[in-house]
N, C-alpha and C. Protein backbone atom coordinates (compact mmCIF):
# COMPACT_ATOMS: atom_id res chain seq x y z
N MET A 1 5.69 -8.27 14.27
CA MET A 1 6.28 -7.84 12.58
C MET A 1 6.68 -6.76 12.42
N GLY A 2 7.55 -7.28 11.46
CA GLY A 2 8.54 -6.35 11.53
C GLY A 2 8.51 -5.17 9.84
N LEU A 3 9.32 -4.26 9.68
CA LEU A 3 9.14 -3.28 8.85
C LEU A 3 9.00 -4.27 7.42
N GLU A 4 9.62 -5.01 7.03
CA GLU A 4 9.68 -5.74 6.49
C GLU A 4 8.39 -6.35 5.05
N GLU A 5 7.91 -6.82 6.69
CA GLU A 5 6.47 -7.98 6.62
C GLU A 5 5.66 -7.11 6.46
N GLN A 6 5.30 -5.67 6.93
CA GLN A 6 4.53 -5.19 6.97
C GLN A 6 4.55 -3.91 5.24
N ILE A 7 5.16 -4.25 4.98
CA ILE A 7 5.48 -4.22 3.91
C ILE A 7 4.99 -4.79 2.66
N ASP A 8 5.92 -5.98 3.21
CA ASP A 8 5.42 -6.95 2.17
C ASP A 8 3.57 -7.08 1.76
N GLU A 9 2.86 -7.00 3.25
CA GLU A 9 1.53 -7.05 3.60
C GLU A 9 1.10 -6.35 3.05
N ALA A 10 1.64 -5.15 2.87
CA ALA A 10 1.09 -3.51 2.30
C ALA A 10 0.86 -3.69 0.91
N TYR A 11 1.73 -4.33 0.13
CA TYR A 11 1.97 -4.39 -1.20
C TYR A 11 0.70 -5.38 -1.60
N ARG A 12 1.11 -6.75 -0.95
CA ARG A 12 -0.30 -7.46 -1.54
C ARG A 12 -1.85 -6.99 -1.30
N ALA A 13 -2.51 -6.07 0.39
CA ALA A 13 -3.05 -5.46 -0.19
C ALA A 13 -3.41 -4.11 -1.08
N TRP A 14 -2.63 -3.54 -1.74
CA TRP A 14 -2.69 -2.75 -2.88
C TRP A 14 -2.67 -3.45 -3.85
N GLN A 15 -2.26 -4.74 -4.04
CA GLN A 15 -2.54 -5.28 -5.50
C GLN A 15 -3.73 -5.61 -5.35
N GLN A 16 -4.39 -6.89 -3.94
CA GLN A 16 -5.83 -7.40 -4.12
C GLN A 16 -6.11 -5.70 -4.46
N ALA A 17 -6.42 -5.15 -3.90
CA ALA A 17 -7.81 -3.41 -4.59
C ALA A 17 -7.93 -3.59 -5.94
N ILE A 18 -5.73 -3.45 -6.28
CA ILE A 18 -6.66 -2.90 -7.40
C ILE A 18 -6.77 -4.20 -8.23
N ALA A 19 -6.81 -5.51 -7.91
CA ALA A 19 -7.87 -6.33 -8.33
C ALA A 19 -9.20 -6.05 -8.23
N VAL A 20 -9.77 -5.50 -7.25
CA VAL A 20 -10.77 -5.38 -6.77
C VAL A 20 -11.69 -4.40 -7.89
N PHE A 21 -10.24 -3.35 -7.72
CA PHE A 21 -10.91 -2.32 -8.93
C PHE A 21 -11.37 -2.63 -10.28
N ASN A 22 -10.58 -3.78 -10.78
CA ASN A 22 -10.67 -4.31 -12.27
C ASN A 22 -11.84 -5.27 -12.15
N ASN A 23 -12.50 -5.80 -11.06
CA ASN A 23 -13.79 -6.42 -11.39
C ASN A 23 -14.61 -5.39 -10.97
N ALA A 24 -14.37 -4.39 -10.61
CA ALA A 24 -15.87 -3.30 -10.11
C ALA A 24 -16.55 -3.12 -11.33
N GLU A 25 -18.13 -3.52 -10.49
CA GLU A 25 -18.71 -3.03 -12.32
C GLU A 25 -20.01 -1.87 -12.03
N THR A 26 -20.66 -2.20 -10.52
CA THR A 26 -21.49 -0.63 -10.70
C THR A 26 -20.86 0.84 -9.77
N PRO A 27 -21.29 1.40 -10.14
CA PRO A 27 -20.57 2.89 -9.71
C PRO A 27 -20.21 2.75 -8.33
N GLU A 28 -21.01 2.12 -7.24
CA GLU A 28 -20.84 2.46 -6.47
C GLU A 28 -20.13 1.55 -6.07
N ASP A 29 -19.45 0.19 -7.03
CA ASP A 29 -18.10 -0.64 -6.64
C ASP A 29 -17.32 0.56 -6.92
N ILE A 30 -16.99 1.04 -8.21
CA ILE A 30 -15.98 1.81 -8.44
C ILE A 30 -15.54 2.68 -7.63
N ASP A 31 -16.55 3.01 -6.92
CA ASP A 31 -16.12 4.39 -5.97
C ASP A 31 -15.14 3.63 -4.98
N TYR A 32 -16.22 2.48 -4.57
CA TYR A 32 -15.25 1.91 -3.02
C TYR A 32 -14.08 1.73 -3.20
N ALA A 33 -13.82 0.84 -5.14
CA ALA A 33 -11.93 0.49 -5.41
C ALA A 33 -11.20 1.39 -5.26
N VAL A 34 -11.83 2.59 -5.88
CA VAL A 34 -10.47 3.63 -6.33
C VAL A 34 -10.54 4.19 -4.26
N TYR A 35 -11.34 4.50 -3.89
CA TYR A 35 -10.51 5.25 -2.66
C TYR A 35 -9.75 3.67 -2.00
N ASN A 36 -10.36 2.92 -1.89
CA ASN A 36 -9.64 1.65 -1.37
C ASN A 36 -8.35 1.45 -1.67
N MET A 37 -8.24 1.40 -3.03
CA MET A 37 -7.58 1.04 -3.66
C MET A 37 -5.93 2.38 -3.34
N GLU A 38 -7.14 3.68 -3.28
CA GLU A 38 -5.97 4.75 -2.80
C GLU A 38 -5.37 4.47 -1.56
N ALA A 39 -5.91 4.57 -0.52
CA ALA A 39 -5.72 4.24 0.46
C ALA A 39 -4.65 3.18 0.77
N LYS A 40 -4.88 1.89 -0.13
CA LYS A 40 -3.73 0.82 0.14
C LYS A 40 -2.53 1.14 -0.82
N ARG A 41 -2.33 2.07 -1.32
CA ARG A 41 -1.48 2.61 -2.25
C ARG A 41 -0.78 3.30 -1.32
N ARG A 42 -1.34 4.43 -0.25
CA ARG A 42 -1.33 5.48 0.46
C ARG A 42 0.19 4.66 2.11
N HIS A 43 -0.94 3.67 1.72
CA HIS A 43 -0.34 2.92 3.11
C HIS A 43 1.07 2.70 2.73
N TYR A 44 1.36 2.13 1.35
CA TYR A 44 2.33 1.02 1.21
C TYR A 44 3.92 2.23 0.79
N THR A 45 3.29 2.94 0.41
CA THR A 45 4.50 4.27 0.49
C THR A 45 5.20 4.82 1.62
N ARG A 46 4.27 5.29 2.39
CA ARG A 46 4.45 5.48 3.47
C ARG A 46 5.73 4.59 4.15
N LEU A 47 5.14 3.18 4.58
CA LEU A 47 6.05 2.36 4.34
C LEU A 47 7.00 2.37 4.28
N MET A 48 7.48 2.19 2.26
CA MET A 48 8.64 2.56 1.51
C MET A 48 9.30 3.67 2.26
N ALA A 49 8.88 4.56 2.68
CA ALA A 49 9.66 5.75 2.85
C ALA A 49 9.64 5.41 4.10
N GLN A 50 9.06 4.79 5.55
CA GLN A 50 9.68 5.48 6.92
C GLN A 50 10.84 3.83 6.33
N MET A 51 11.23 3.20 5.35
CA MET A 51 12.31 2.27 5.70
C MET A 51 13.65 2.92 4.70
N ARG A 52 12.90 3.33 4.09
CA ARG A 52 14.25 4.54 3.49
C ARG A 52 14.85 5.25 4.21
N ALA A 53 13.82 6.15 5.33
CA ALA A 53 14.22 6.48 6.12
C ALA A 53 14.96 6.41 7.78
N GLU A 54 14.65 4.95 7.85
CA GLU A 54 15.88 4.13 8.86
C GLU A 54 16.90 3.41 7.82
N LYS A 55 16.37 3.65 6.40
CA LYS A 55 17.47 3.01 5.98
C LYS A 55 19.08 4.34 5.78
N GLN A 56 18.26 4.94 5.94
CA GLN A 56 19.47 6.10 5.84
C GLN A 56 20.22 6.66 7.09
N GLU A 57 19.40 6.49 7.57
CA GLU A 57 19.33 7.09 9.28
C GLU A 57 20.57 5.57 9.76
N HIS A 58 20.24 4.62 9.29
CA HIS A 58 21.33 3.76 10.04
C HIS A 58 22.56 4.15 8.74
N ASP A 59 22.80 4.68 7.67
CA ASP A 59 23.84 4.79 7.00
C ASP A 59 25.24 5.53 7.39
N PHE A 60 24.09 6.80 8.20
CA PHE A 60 25.12 8.30 8.74
C PHE A 60 25.82 7.75 9.85
N GLU A 61 25.16 6.15 10.48
CA GLU A 61 25.84 5.80 11.97
C GLU A 61 27.64 6.12 11.67
């Protein structure tokens, strides 16, 4: 799977985590949803940073 596909998948997972958070009702569900949502966001932003770095590296060649 290429980086662009990984980014798309990570974005969808992040959006799904947001939906889970929006539907959380109990304190335990909210705690889990916040943790999961933040993990998915960080994964997505890490992949985006990787793509920017690769693009910048490619632009300098």
